[in-house]
Amino acid sequence: MKINKAYYYELDPNVSQRISLAQNVGCSRFAYNWGLQQRIELYETTKESTNAIEQHRLLNSKKITDFPWMYEVSKCAPQEALRDLDRAFRNFYRGLKEGKKVGFPSPKRRGVHDSCRLTGSIKVNERSIQLPRLGVIRTKERTKVKGRILSATISRQADRWFVSLTVEVEVDSPKPVQGKPIGIDLGLTSFITTSENEKVAPPKPLNKALKKLKRISKQHSKKQKGSKNRRKSALKIGRQHRKIRNQRVDFLHKLSSKLAKTKPVIVVEDLDVQGLLQKKQLSRHIADVGWSSFIRMLEYKTKWYGSTLVKAPRRFASSKLCSGCHFKKKDLLFQQL
């Protein structure tokens, strides 16, 4: 069967390559915001919509006169950005039809999720990657990529550059995992509590680094706007957030891989994480543990390793159901202690 995998590497660009990477990311952000504004104005005047193909044609016609600097970057950067915008609008309209809460596409800000996707001729060497228009860029580790490369996504985290290679791989169907099924209850005090009465504590990287993060954020607010010291301080905050994210993702990957490789059936509740994040007292703690990322990892890893993920319905009243005789109570009364 064919599956898509991603290979993630840190780049080691020189000064001129850093400038080129920033130009491609900035062009992608500009094209996305330009396309969003053009769609809004078109709907306000004619009540009509458009698509990525038409917007890309319009943008190409304006390159010579309005945006000549776009010829300095890869043509893929604005093209893929308009495709992402088109996908965001389709998700928004589908959410309206299905009654789901899908936000209206919002403009991208500089320094927040800086990234762009490139397609075309992408080659991987032992210690470097060749990207369209950017040339050969060294990597900080050896690259081992198997399969057909579909795209390369460049991203910036604080002062570091990374590339994620999406690859299509032909693999054999995995053998079914042997063992007993397991049920998982997600929580804050214990990240997971299994049906085998096993508890795994969450690392809570944001909670542990909150004191330091508050201190450097307060120092940043006192810096003069536009000064070099303020830029250095912003970089320091970005590095701290990158460290927090890496610790969380490392924990989630290790735990999800362990469960997918050892448990044939994994039952987890279909949580409304977006709704739970609306609670002010718990929003930071819920975002710190990363429930949504954990469930997303289980979804594709169970397919890789031959196990099955089952999502229990949100409205299923398991608290009213007896585990022995399966009698369901009409009302559930909680005793106040």
C-alpha atoms as a PDB file:
ATOM      1  CA  MET A   1       0.000   0.000   0.000  1.00  0.00           C
ATOM      2  CA  LYS A   2       1.017   3.612  -0.515  1.00  0.00           C
ATOM      3  CA  ILE A   3       1.402   5.948   2.442  1.00  0.00           C
ATOM      4  CA  ASN A   4       2.718   9.465   2.881  1.00  0.00           C
ATOM      5  CA  LYS A   5       5.550  10.107   5.300  1.00  0.00           C
ATOM      6  CA  ALA A   6       7.420  13.242   6.282  1.00  0.00           C
ATOM      7  CA  TYR A   7      11.173  13.575   6.840  1.00  0.00           C
ATOM      8  CA  TYR A   8      12.132  16.534   9.000  1.00  0.00           C
ATOM      9  CA  TYR A   9      15.641  18.026   8.893  1.00  0.00           C
ATOM     10  CA  GLU A  10      17.296  21.185  10.149  1.00  0.00           C
ATOM     11  CA  LEU A  11      19.013  23.270   7.503  1.00  0.00           C
ATOM     12  CA  ASP A  12      22.420  24.902   7.798  1.00  0.00           C
ATOM     13  CA  PRO A  13      22.179  27.836   5.345  1.00  0.00           C
ATOM     14  CA  ASN A  14      24.763  30.557   4.831  1.00  0.00           C
ATOM     15  CA  VAL A  15      23.966  34.272   4.960  1.00  0.00           C
ATOM     16  CA  SER A  16      22.795  34.606   1.337  1.00  0.00           C
ATOM     17  CA  GLN A  17      20.696  31.439   1.632  1.00  0.00           C
ATOM     18  CA  ARG A  18      19.046  32.745   4.794  1.00  0.00           C
ATOM     19  CA  ILE A  19      18.027  35.858   2.879  1.00  0.00           C
ATOM     20  CA  SER A  20      16.621  33.744   0.030  1.00  0.00           C
ATOM     21  CA  LEU A  21      14.700  31.546   2.461  1.00  0.00           C
ATOM     22  CA  ALA A  22      13.210  34.611   4.147  1.00  0.00           C
ATOM     23  CA  GLN A  23      12.238  36.037   0.744  1.00  0.00           C
ATOM     24  CA  ASN A  24      10.392  32.855  -0.236  1.00  0.00           C
ATOM     25  CA  VAL A  25       8.566  32.716   3.094  1.00  0.00           C
ATOM     26  CA  GLY A  26       7.675  36.406   2.841  1.00  0.00           C
ATOM     27  CA  CYS A  27       6.400  35.977  -0.734  1.00  0.00           C
ATOM     28  CA  SER A  28       4.210  33.075   0.370  1.00  0.00           C
ATOM     29  CA  ARG A  29       2.762  35.153   3.208  1.00  0.00           C
ATOM     30  CA  PHE A  30       2.156  38.123   0.867  1.00  0.00           C
ATOM     31  CA  ALA A  31       0.384  35.961  -1.739  1.00  0.00           C
ATOM     32  CA  TYR A  32      -1.864  34.435   0.915  1.00  0.00           C
ATOM     33  CA  ASN A  33      -2.854  37.823   2.339  1.00  0.00           C
ATOM     34  CA  TRP A  34      -3.274  39.314  -1.153  1.00  0.00           C
ATOM     35  CA  GLY A  35      -5.521  36.448  -2.210  1.00  0.00           C
ATOM     36  CA  LEU A  36      -7.586  36.756   0.970  1.00  0.00           C
ATOM     37  CA  GLN A  37      -8.118  40.483   0.465  1.00  0.00           C
ATOM     38  CA  GLN A  38      -8.968  39.970  -3.209  1.00  0.00           C
ATOM     39  CA  ARG A  39     -11.580  37.346  -2.339  1.00  0.00           C
ATOM     40  CA  ILE A  40     -13.183  39.608   0.271  1.00  0.00           C
ATOM     41  CA  GLU A  41     -13.370  42.582  -2.122  1.00  0.00           C
ATOM     42  CA  LEU A  42     -14.752  40.396  -4.918  1.00  0.00           C
ATOM     43  CA  TYR A  43     -17.519  39.055  -2.701  1.00  0.00           C
ATOM     44  CA  GLU A  44     -18.435  42.507  -1.375  1.00  0.00           C
ATOM     45  CA  THR A  45     -18.781  43.953  -4.876  1.00  0.00           C
ATOM     46  CA  THR A  46     -20.171  41.074  -6.973  1.00  0.00           C
ATOM     47  CA  LYS A  47     -21.251  38.461  -4.377  1.00  0.00           C
ATOM     48  CA  GLU A  48     -19.149  35.935  -6.295  1.00  0.00           C
ATOM     49  CA  SER A  49     -16.250  33.699  -5.314  1.00  0.00           C
ATOM     50  CA  THR A  50     -13.100  32.543  -7.089  1.00  0.00           C
ATOM     51  CA  ASN A  51     -10.513  29.777  -6.858  1.00  0.00           C
ATOM     52  CA  ALA A  52      -6.760  29.277  -6.647  1.00  0.00           C
ATOM     53  CA  ILE A  53      -6.275  28.880 -10.403  1.00  0.00           C
ATOM     54  CA  GLU A  54      -7.989  32.152 -11.281  1.00  0.00           C
ATOM     55  CA  GLN A  55      -6.174  34.013  -8.519  1.00  0.00           C
ATOM     56  CA  HIS A  56      -2.823  32.653  -9.654  1.00  0.00           C
ATOM     57  CA  ARG A  57      -3.495  33.850 -13.214  1.00  0.00           C
ATOM     58  CA  LEU A  58      -4.409  37.291 -11.923  1.00  0.00           C
ATOM     59  CA  LEU A  59      -1.298  37.433  -9.753  1.00  0.00           C
ATOM     60  CA  ASN A  60       0.928  36.433 -12.682  1.00  0.00           C
ATOM     61  CA  SER A  61      -0.555  39.218 -14.807  1.00  0.00           C
ATOM     62  CA  LYS A  62       0.384  41.765 -12.130  1.00  0.00           C
ATOM     63  CA  LYS A  63       3.930  40.562 -11.515  1.00  0.00           C
ATOM     64  CA  ILE A  64       5.615  42.734 -14.145  1.00  0.00           C
ATOM     65  CA  THR A  65       3.908  45.976 -13.173  1.00  0.00           C
ATOM     66  CA  ASP A  66       3.051  45.661  -9.475  1.00  0.00           C
ATOM     67  CA  PHE A  67       5.199  42.886  -7.997  1.00  0.00           C
ATOM     68  CA  PRO A  68       8.465  42.558  -9.981  1.00  0.00           C
ATOM     69  CA  TRP A  69      10.304  41.348  -6.860  1.00  0.00           C
ATOM     70  CA  MET A  70       8.398  38.056  -7.099  1.00  0.00           C
ATOM     71  CA  TYR A  71      10.718  36.963  -9.918  1.00  0.00           C
ATOM     72  CA  GLU A  72      13.503  36.643  -7.317  1.00  0.00           C
ATOM     73  CA  VAL A  73      11.786  33.721  -5.569  1.00  0.00           C
ATOM     74  CA  SER A  74      10.386  30.366  -6.626  1.00  0.00           C
ATOM     75  CA  LYS A  75       7.063  30.441  -8.445  1.00  0.00           C
ATOM     76  CA  CYS A  76       5.889  27.631  -6.176  1.00  0.00           C
ATOM     77  CA  ALA A  77       5.813  29.848  -3.053  1.00  0.00           C
ATOM     78  CA  PRO A  78       2.857  32.090  -4.085  1.00  0.00           C
ATOM     79  CA  GLN A  79       1.163  29.282  -6.029  1.00  0.00           C
ATOM     80  CA  GLU A  80       1.050  26.894  -3.073  1.00  0.00           C
ATOM     81  CA  ALA A  81      -0.015  29.735  -0.756  1.00  0.00           C
ATOM     82  CA  LEU A  82      -3.075  30.411  -2.928  1.00  0.00           C
ATOM     83  CA  ARG A  83      -3.880  26.699  -2.888  1.00  0.00           C
ATOM     84  CA  ASP A  84      -3.727  26.737   0.916  1.00  0.00           C
ATOM     85  CA  LEU A  85      -6.077  29.724   0.928  1.00  0.00           C
ATOM     86  CA  ASP A  86      -8.483  27.895  -1.380  1.00  0.00           C
ATOM     87  CA  ARG A  87      -8.419  24.888   0.956  1.00  0.00           C
ATOM     88  CA  ALA A  88      -9.094  27.157   3.950  1.00  0.00           C
ATOM     89  CA  PHE A  89     -12.194  28.594   2.268  1.00  0.00           C
ATOM     90  CA  ARG A  90     -13.469  25.127   1.334  1.00  0.00           C
ATOM     91  CA  ASN A  91     -13.088  24.024   4.956  1.00  0.00           C
ATOM     92  CA  PHE A  92     -14.897  27.164   6.103  1.00  0.00           C
ATOM     93  CA  TYR A  93     -17.872  26.632   3.771  1.00  0.00           C
ATOM     94  CA  ARG A  94     -18.037  22.917   4.590  1.00  0.00           C
ATOM     95  CA  GLY A  95     -18.069  23.788   8.292  1.00  0.00           C
ATOM     96  CA  LEU A  96     -21.024  26.116   7.750  1.00  0.00           C
ATOM     97  CA  LYS A  97     -22.984  23.363   5.995  1.00  0.00           C
ATOM     98  CA  GLU A  98     -22.202  20.748   8.637  1.00  0.00           C
ATOM     99  CA  GLY A  99     -22.733  23.101  11.569  1.00  0.00           C
ATOM    100  CA  LYS A 100     -19.120  22.920  12.749  1.00  0.00           C
ATOM    101  CA  LYS A 101     -17.119  25.809  14.153  1.00  0.00           C
ATOM    102  CA  VAL A 102     -14.553  26.540  11.449  1.00  0.00           C
ATOM    103  CA  GLY A 103     -13.122  30.037  11.588  1.00  0.00           C
ATOM    104  CA  PHE A 104     -13.017  32.401   8.621  1.00  0.00           C
ATOM    105  CA  PRO A 105      -9.519  32.509   7.045  1.00  0.00           C
ATOM    106  CA  SER A 106      -7.419  35.194   8.712  1.00  0.00           C
ATOM    107  CA  PRO A 107      -4.343  37.072   7.417  1.00  0.00           C
ATOM    108  CA  LYS A 108      -0.904  35.667   8.161  1.00  0.00           C
ATOM    109  CA  ARG A 109       1.423  37.650  10.382  1.00  0.00           C
ATOM    110  CA  ARG A 110       5.152  38.003  10.007  1.00  0.00           C
ATOM    111  CA  GLY A 111       7.055  35.871  12.472  1.00  0.00           C
ATOM    112  CA  VAL A 112       4.071  33.615  13.239  1.00  0.00           C
ATOM    113  CA  HIS A 113       4.240  30.183  11.569  1.00  0.00           C
ATOM    114  CA  ASP A 114       6.638  31.393   8.870  1.00  0.00           C
ATOM    115  CA  SER A 115       6.624  28.710   6.186  1.00  0.00           C
ATOM    116  CA  CYS A 116       6.221  28.039   2.473  1.00  0.00           C
ATOM    117  CA  ARG A 117       5.799  24.908   0.379  1.00  0.00           C
ATOM    118  CA  LEU A 118       7.825  24.123  -2.740  1.00  0.00           C
ATOM    119  CA  THR A 119       7.215  21.539  -5.449  1.00  0.00           C
ATOM    120  CA  GLY A 120       9.086  20.495  -8.564  1.00  0.00           C
ATOM    121  CA  SER A 121      12.677  19.314  -8.801  1.00  0.00           C
ATOM    122  CA  ILE A 122      13.767  18.394  -5.265  1.00  0.00           C
ATOM    123  CA  LYS A 123      16.886  16.286  -4.785  1.00  0.00           C
ATOM    124  CA  VAL A 124      18.335  14.880  -1.578  1.00  0.00           C
ATOM    125  CA  ASN A 125      22.053  14.262  -1.101  1.00  0.00           C
ATOM    126  CA  GLU A 126      23.844  12.775   1.874  1.00  0.00           C
ATOM    127  CA  ARG A 127      24.325  16.076   3.737  1.00  0.00           C
ATOM    128  CA  SER A 128      22.358  18.556   1.607  1.00  0.00           C
ATOM    129  CA  ILE A 129      19.036  19.197  -0.125  1.00  0.00           C
ATOM    130  CA  GLN A 130      18.520  20.858  -3.497  1.00  0.00           C
ATOM    131  CA  LEU A 131      15.388  23.029  -3.604  1.00  0.00           C
ATOM    132  CA  PRO A 132      13.816  24.898  -6.551  1.00  0.00           C
ATOM    133  CA  ARG A 133      15.409  28.331  -7.067  1.00  0.00           C
ATOM    134  CA  LEU A 134      17.201  28.093  -3.702  1.00  0.00           C
ATOM    135  CA  GLY A 135      19.888  25.658  -4.849  1.00  0.00           C
ATOM    136  CA  VAL A 136      21.799  23.242  -2.647  1.00  0.00           C
ATOM    137  CA  ILE A 137      21.500  23.879   1.109  1.00  0.00           C
ATOM    138  CA  ARG A 138      23.454  21.929   3.688  1.00  0.00           C
ATOM    139  CA  THR A 139      21.699  20.012   6.452  1.00  0.00           C
ATOM    140  CA  LYS A 140      22.914  19.546  10.008  1.00  0.00           C
ATOM    141  CA  GLU A 141      22.498  15.766   9.848  1.00  0.00           C
ATOM    142  CA  ARG A 142      22.621  12.982   7.310  1.00  0.00           C
ATOM    143  CA  THR A 143      19.534  12.726   5.142  1.00  0.00           C
ATOM    144  CA  LYS A 144      17.967   9.346   4.439  1.00  0.00           C
ATOM    145  CA  VAL A 145      14.851   9.657   2.300  1.00  0.00           C
ATOM    146  CA  LYS A 146      13.071   6.683   0.712  1.00  0.00           C
ATOM    147  CA  GLY A 147      10.241   7.110  -1.774  1.00  0.00           C
ATOM    148  CA  ARG A 148       8.976   9.711  -4.251  1.00  0.00           C
ATOM    149  CA  ILE A 149       9.288  13.277  -2.964  1.00  0.00           C
ATOM    150  CA  LEU A 150       6.021  15.194  -3.358  1.00  0.00           C
ATOM    151  CA  SER A 151       6.877  18.544  -1.786  1.00  0.00           C
ATOM    152  CA  ALA A 152       9.208  20.367   0.576  1.00  0.00           C
ATOM    153  CA  THR A 153       7.921  22.702   3.279  1.00  0.00           C
ATOM    154  CA  ILE A 154      10.374  25.289   4.596  1.00  0.00           C
ATOM    155  CA  SER A 155       9.716  26.688   8.049  1.00  0.00           C
ATOM    156  CA  ARG A 156      11.448  29.021  10.471  1.00  0.00           C
ATOM    157  CA  GLN A 157      11.462  28.600  14.232  1.00  0.00           C
ATOM    158  CA  ALA A 158      13.097  31.545  15.966  1.00  0.00           C
ATOM    159  CA  ASP A 159      16.563  31.697  14.334  1.00  0.00           C
ATOM    160  CA  ARG A 160      16.614  28.185  12.830  1.00  0.00           C
ATOM    161  CA  TRP A 161      15.422  26.894   9.460  1.00  0.00           C
ATOM    162  CA  PHE A 162      13.876  23.477   8.867  1.00  0.00           C
ATOM    163  CA  VAL A 163      12.618  21.507   5.877  1.00  0.00           C
ATOM    164  CA  SER A 164       9.899  18.858   5.897  1.00  0.00           C
ATOM    165  CA  LEU A 165       9.897  16.491   2.920  1.00  0.00           C
ATOM    166  CA  THR A 166       6.568  14.844   2.121  1.00  0.00           C
ATOM    167  CA  VAL A 167       7.291  11.466   0.514  1.00  0.00           C
ATOM    168  CA  GLU A 168       5.053   8.809  -1.017  1.00  0.00           C
ATOM    169  CA  VAL A 169       6.265   5.339  -0.041  1.00  0.00           C
ATOM    170  CA  GLU A 170       5.147   1.889  -1.160  1.00  0.00           C
ATOM    171  CA  VAL A 171       5.115  -0.428   1.866  1.00  0.00           C
ATOM    172  CA  ASP A 172       3.804  -3.888   2.626  1.00  0.00           C
ATOM    173  CA  SER A 173       0.555  -4.194   4.546  1.00  0.00           C
ATOM    174  CA  PRO A 174       1.450  -4.376   8.248  1.00  0.00           C
ATOM    175  CA  LYS A 175       0.834  -7.546  10.217  1.00  0.00           C
ATOM    176  CA  PRO A 176      -1.964  -7.222  12.822  1.00  0.00           C
ATOM    177  CA  VAL A 177      -0.689  -6.393  16.274  1.00  0.00           C
ATOM    178  CA  GLN A 178      -1.243  -9.146  18.826  1.00  0.00           C
ATOM    179  CA  GLY A 179      -2.410  -8.503  22.368  1.00  0.00           C
ATOM    180  CA  LYS A 180      -5.362  -7.181  24.332  1.00  0.00           C
ATOM    181  CA  PRO A 181      -7.424  -4.113  23.358  1.00  0.00           C
ATOM    182  CA  ILE A 182      -7.018  -1.068  25.526  1.00  0.00           C
ATOM    183  CA  GLY A 183      -9.152   1.908  26.461  1.00  0.00           C
ATOM    184  CA  ILE A 184      -7.621   5.331  27.124  1.00  0.00           C
ATOM    185  CA  ASP A 185      -8.995   8.199  29.181  1.00  0.00           C
ATOM    186  CA  LEU A 186      -7.255  11.526  28.582  1.00  0.00           C
ATOM    187  CA  GLY A 187      -6.736  13.880  31.484  1.00  0.00           C
ATOM    188  CA  LEU A 188      -4.622  16.676  32.936  1.00  0.00           C
ATOM    189  CA  THR A 189      -3.254  15.163  36.153  1.00  0.00           C
ATOM    190  CA  SER A 190      -2.545  11.898  34.316  1.00  0.00           C
ATOM    191  CA  PHE A 191      -2.140  12.359  30.592  1.00  0.00           C
ATOM    192  CA  ILE A 192      -3.627   8.920  29.966  1.00  0.00           C
ATOM    193  CA  THR A 193      -5.290   6.414  32.264  1.00  0.00           C
ATOM    194  CA  THR A 194      -5.660   3.044  30.567  1.00  0.00           C
ATOM    195  CA  SER A 195      -8.208   0.307  31.133  1.00  0.00           C
ATOM    196  CA  GLU A 196      -5.335  -1.699  32.627  1.00  0.00           C
ATOM    197  CA  ASN A 197      -5.081   0.941  35.381  1.00  0.00           C
ATOM    198  CA  GLU A 198      -1.819   2.284  34.001  1.00  0.00           C
ATOM    199  CA  LYS A 199      -1.225   6.012  34.357  1.00  0.00           C
ATOM    200  CA  VAL A 200       1.215   8.176  32.410  1.00  0.00           C
ATOM    201  CA  ALA A 201       2.016  11.623  33.764  1.00  0.00           C
ATOM    202  CA  PRO A 202       2.264  14.505  31.266  1.00  0.00           C
ATOM    203  CA  PRO A 203       5.563  16.424  31.007  1.00  0.00           C
ATOM    204  CA  LYS A 204       3.781  19.837  31.035  1.00  0.00           C
ATOM    205  CA  PRO A 205       6.720  21.723  29.474  1.00  0.00           C
ATOM    206  CA  LEU A 206       4.879  25.049  29.355  1.00  0.00           C
ATOM    207  CA  ASN A 207       3.943  24.876  33.031  1.00  0.00           C
ATOM    208  CA  LYS A 208       7.555  24.119  34.003  1.00  0.00           C
ATOM    209  CA  ALA A 209       8.977  26.950  31.903  1.00  0.00           C
ATOM    210  CA  LEU A 210       6.207  29.456  32.691  1.00  0.00           C
ATOM    211  CA  LYS A 211       8.178  31.321  35.332  1.00  0.00           C
ATOM    212  CA  LYS A 212      11.142  31.856  33.003  1.00  0.00           C
ATOM    213  CA  LEU A 213       8.852  32.709  30.100  1.00  0.00           C
ATOM    214  CA  LYS A 214       7.092  35.386  32.153  1.00  0.00           C
ATOM    215  CA  ARG A 215      10.415  36.881  33.189  1.00  0.00           C
ATOM    216  CA  ILE A 216      11.852  37.184  29.684  1.00  0.00           C
ATOM    217  CA  SER A 217       8.494  38.423  28.351  1.00  0.00           C
ATOM    218  CA  LYS A 218       8.475  41.166  30.951  1.00  0.00           C
ATOM    219  CA  GLN A 219      12.024  42.124  29.998  1.00  0.00           C
ATOM    220  CA  HIS A 220      10.970  42.184  26.337  1.00  0.00           C
ATOM    221  CA  SER A 221       8.100  44.585  27.033  1.00  0.00           C
ATOM    222  CA  LYS A 222      10.548  47.121  28.482  1.00  0.00           C
ATOM    223  CA  LYS A 223      12.752  47.220  25.377  1.00  0.00           C
ATOM    224  CA  GLN A 224      12.398  50.135  22.989  1.00  0.00           C
ATOM    225  CA  LYS A 225      10.330  49.258  19.925  1.00  0.00           C
ATOM    226  CA  GLY A 226      12.414  48.914  16.785  1.00  0.00           C
ATOM    227  CA  SER A 227      15.702  48.561  18.657  1.00  0.00           C
ATOM    228  CA  LYS A 228      18.223  45.738  18.264  1.00  0.00           C
ATOM    229  CA  ASN A 229      17.819  44.789  21.914  1.00  0.00           C
ATOM    230  CA  ARG A 230      14.100  44.249  21.366  1.00  0.00           C
ATOM    231  CA  ARG A 231      14.788  41.989  18.377  1.00  0.00           C
ATOM    232  CA  LYS A 232      17.288  40.010  20.465  1.00  0.00           C
ATOM    233  CA  SER A 233      14.734  39.708  23.235  1.00  0.00           C
ATOM    234  CA  ALA A 234      12.048  38.506  20.796  1.00  0.00           C
ATOM    235  CA  LEU A 235      14.480  35.896  19.512  1.00  0.00           C
ATOM    236  CA  LYS A 236      15.078  34.711  23.074  1.00  0.00           C
ATOM    237  CA  ILE A 237      11.331  34.250  23.593  1.00  0.00           C
ATOM    238  CA  GLY A 238      11.057  32.354  20.319  1.00  0.00           C
ATOM    239  CA  ARG A 239      13.834  29.982  21.337  1.00  0.00           C
ATOM    240  CA  GLN A 240      12.080  29.266  24.626  1.00  0.00           C
ATOM    241  CA  HIS A 241       8.797  28.485  22.869  1.00  0.00           C
ATOM    242  CA  ARG A 242      10.650  26.224  20.430  1.00  0.00           C
ATOM    243  CA  LYS A 243      12.161  24.291  23.338  1.00  0.00           C
ATOM    244  CA  ILE A 244       8.729  23.890  24.951  1.00  0.00           C
ATOM    245  CA  ARG A 245       7.213  22.633  21.697  1.00  0.00           C
ATOM    246  CA  ASN A 246      10.035  20.139  21.113  1.00  0.00           C
ATOM    247  CA  GLN A 247       9.635  18.645  24.584  1.00  0.00           C
ATOM    248  CA  ARG A 248       5.881  18.224  24.107  1.00  0.00           C
ATOM    249  CA  VAL A 249       6.146  16.715  20.615  1.00  0.00           C
ATOM    250  CA  ASP A 250       8.888  14.294  21.710  1.00  0.00           C
ATOM    251  CA  PHE A 251       6.685  12.969  24.522  1.00  0.00           C
ATOM    252  CA  LEU A 252       3.630  12.590  22.267  1.00  0.00           C
ATOM    253  CA  HIS A 253       5.556  10.791  19.523  1.00  0.00           C
ATOM    254  CA  LYS A 254       7.138   8.280  21.903  1.00  0.00           C
ATOM    255  CA  LEU A 255       3.880   7.462  23.696  1.00  0.00           C
ATOM    256  CA  SER A 256       1.756   7.209  20.526  1.00  0.00           C
ATOM    257  CA  SER A 257       4.333   4.965  18.820  1.00  0.00           C
ATOM    258  CA  LYS A 258       4.508   2.669  21.843  1.00  0.00           C
ATOM    259  CA  LEU A 259       0.722   2.235  21.951  1.00  0.00           C
ATOM    260  CA  ALA A 260       0.323   1.774  18.180  1.00  0.00           C
ATOM    261  CA  LYS A 261       3.020  -0.918  18.089  1.00  0.00           C
ATOM    262  CA  THR A 262       1.833  -2.934  21.117  1.00  0.00           C
ATOM    263  CA  LYS A 263      -1.994  -2.622  21.273  1.00  0.00           C
ATOM    264  CA  PRO A 264      -4.243  -4.121  18.558  1.00  0.00           C
ATOM    265  CA  VAL A 265      -7.247  -1.892  19.368  1.00  0.00           C
ATOM    266  CA  ILE A 266      -7.045   1.515  21.040  1.00  0.00           C
ATOM    267  CA  VAL A 267     -10.290   3.127  22.192  1.00  0.00           C
ATOM    268  CA  VAL A 268     -10.195   6.845  22.939  1.00  0.00           C
ATOM    269  CA  GLU A 269     -12.885   9.433  23.550  1.00  0.00           C
ATOM    270  CA  ASP A 270     -13.688  11.859  20.724  1.00  0.00           C
ATOM    271  CA  LEU A 271     -13.048  15.011  22.735  1.00  0.00           C
ATOM    272  CA  ASP A 272     -14.288  18.474  21.801  1.00  0.00           C
ATOM    273  CA  VAL A 273     -10.914  20.089  22.452  1.00  0.00           C
ATOM    274  CA  GLN A 274     -11.896  23.402  20.847  1.00  0.00           C
ATOM    275  CA  GLY A 275     -14.866  23.665  23.167  1.00  0.00           C
ATOM    276  CA  LEU A 276     -12.790  22.766  26.218  1.00  0.00           C
ATOM    277  CA  LEU A 277     -10.256  25.458  25.327  1.00  0.00           C
ATOM    278  CA  GLN A 278     -12.961  28.081  25.861  1.00  0.00           C
ATOM    279  CA  LYS A 279     -12.706  27.522  29.617  1.00  0.00           C
ATOM    280  CA  LYS A 280     -10.344  30.220  30.841  1.00  0.00           C
ATOM    281  CA  GLN A 281      -9.186  28.372  33.939  1.00  0.00           C
ATOM    282  CA  LEU A 282      -8.155  25.229  32.017  1.00  0.00           C
ATOM    283  CA  SER A 283      -7.287  26.496  28.527  1.00  0.00           C
ATOM    284  CA  ARG A 284      -3.539  26.846  29.157  1.00  0.00           C
ATOM    285  CA  HIS A 285      -3.290  23.430  30.829  1.00  0.00           C
ATOM    286  CA  ILE A 286      -5.263  21.727  28.026  1.00  0.00           C
ATOM    287  CA  ALA A 287      -3.111  23.342  25.346  1.00  0.00           C
ATOM    288  CA  ASP A 288       0.021  22.301  27.238  1.00  0.00           C
ATOM    289  CA  VAL A 289      -0.743  18.557  27.192  1.00  0.00           C
ATOM    290  CA  GLY A 290      -1.623  18.400  23.475  1.00  0.00           C
ATOM    291  CA  TRP A 291      -4.638  16.087  23.293  1.00  0.00           C
ATOM    292  CA  SER A 292      -5.457  16.890  19.645  1.00  0.00           C
ATOM    293  CA  SER A 293      -1.896  16.224  18.481  1.00  0.00           C
ATOM    294  CA  PHE A 294      -1.834  12.926  20.371  1.00  0.00           C
ATOM    295  CA  ILE A 295      -5.064  11.675  18.766  1.00  0.00           C
ATOM    296  CA  ARG A 296      -3.864  12.822  15.329  1.00  0.00           C
ATOM    297  CA  MET A 297      -0.635  10.855  15.787  1.00  0.00           C
ATOM    298  CA  LEU A 298      -2.566   7.745  16.807  1.00  0.00           C
ATOM    299  CA  GLU A 299      -4.741   8.021  13.682  1.00  0.00           C
ATOM    300  CA  TYR A 300      -1.902   7.590  11.213  1.00  0.00           C
ATOM    301  CA  LYS A 301       0.436   5.457  13.345  1.00  0.00           C
ATOM    302  CA  THR A 302      -2.204   2.781  13.920  1.00  0.00           C
ATOM    303  CA  LYS A 303      -2.492   2.447  10.118  1.00  0.00           C
ATOM    304  CA  TRP A 304       1.282   2.156   9.811  1.00  0.00           C
ATOM    305  CA  TYR A 305       1.767  -0.553  12.438  1.00  0.00           C
ATOM    306  CA  GLY A 306      -1.357  -2.693  11.942  1.00  0.00           C
ATOM    307  CA  SER A 307      -3.503  -1.629  14.883  1.00  0.00           C
ATOM    308  CA  THR A 308      -6.941   0.036  15.031  1.00  0.00           C
ATOM    309  CA  LEU A 309      -8.073   3.301  16.587  1.00  0.00           C
ATOM    310  CA  VAL A 310     -11.692   3.567  17.763  1.00  0.00           C
ATOM    311  CA  LYS A 311     -13.161   6.910  18.796  1.00  0.00           C
ATOM    312  CA  ALA A 312     -15.938   6.675  21.375  1.00  0.00           C
ATOM    313  CA  PRO A 313     -18.834   9.090  20.639  1.00  0.00           C
ATOM    314  CA  ARG A 314     -18.879  12.268  22.693  1.00  0.00           C
ATOM    315  CA  ARG A 315     -22.533  11.916  23.686  1.00  0.00           C
ATOM    316  CA  PHE A 316     -22.244   8.275  24.720  1.00  0.00           C
ATOM    317  CA  ALA A 317     -23.373   8.142  28.367  1.00  0.00           C
ATOM    318  CA  SER A 318     -20.833   5.644  29.657  1.00  0.00           C
ATOM    319  CA  SER A 319     -21.178   6.968  33.219  1.00  0.00           C
ATOM    320  CA  LYS A 320     -24.836   5.874  33.227  1.00  0.00           C
ATOM    321  CA  LEU A 321     -24.097   2.374  31.904  1.00  0.00           C
ATOM    322  CA  CYS A 322     -23.329  -0.553  34.213  1.00  0.00           C
ATOM    323  CA  SER A 323     -20.203  -2.426  33.122  1.00  0.00           C
ATOM    324  CA  GLY A 324     -21.660  -5.726  34.361  1.00  0.00           C
ATOM    325  CA  CYS A 325     -25.324  -5.940  33.260  1.00  0.00           C
ATOM    326  CA  HIS A 326     -25.267  -2.931  30.860  1.00  0.00           C
ATOM    327  CA  PHE A 327     -28.284  -1.349  32.592  1.00  0.00           C
ATOM    328  CA  LYS A 328     -28.576   2.337  31.737  1.00  0.00           C
ATOM    329  CA  LYS A 329     -29.804   4.773  34.360  1.00  0.00           C
ATOM    330  CA  LYS A 330     -32.010   7.651  33.313  1.00  0.00           C
ATOM    331  CA  ASP A 331     -30.421  10.180  35.669  1.00  0.00           C
ATOM    332  CA  LEU A 332     -26.975  10.342  37.209  1.00  0.00           C
ATOM    333  CA  LEU A 333     -26.707  12.016  40.581  1.00  0.00           C
ATOM    334  CA  PHE A 334     -23.332  13.186  41.894  1.00  0.00           C
ATOM    335  CA  GLN A 335     -22.786  13.191  45.623  1.00  0.00           C
ATOM    336  CA  GLN A 336     -21.341  16.490  46.790  1.00  0.00           C
ATOM    337  CA  LEU A 337     -18.512  16.004  49.255  1.00  0.00           C
END
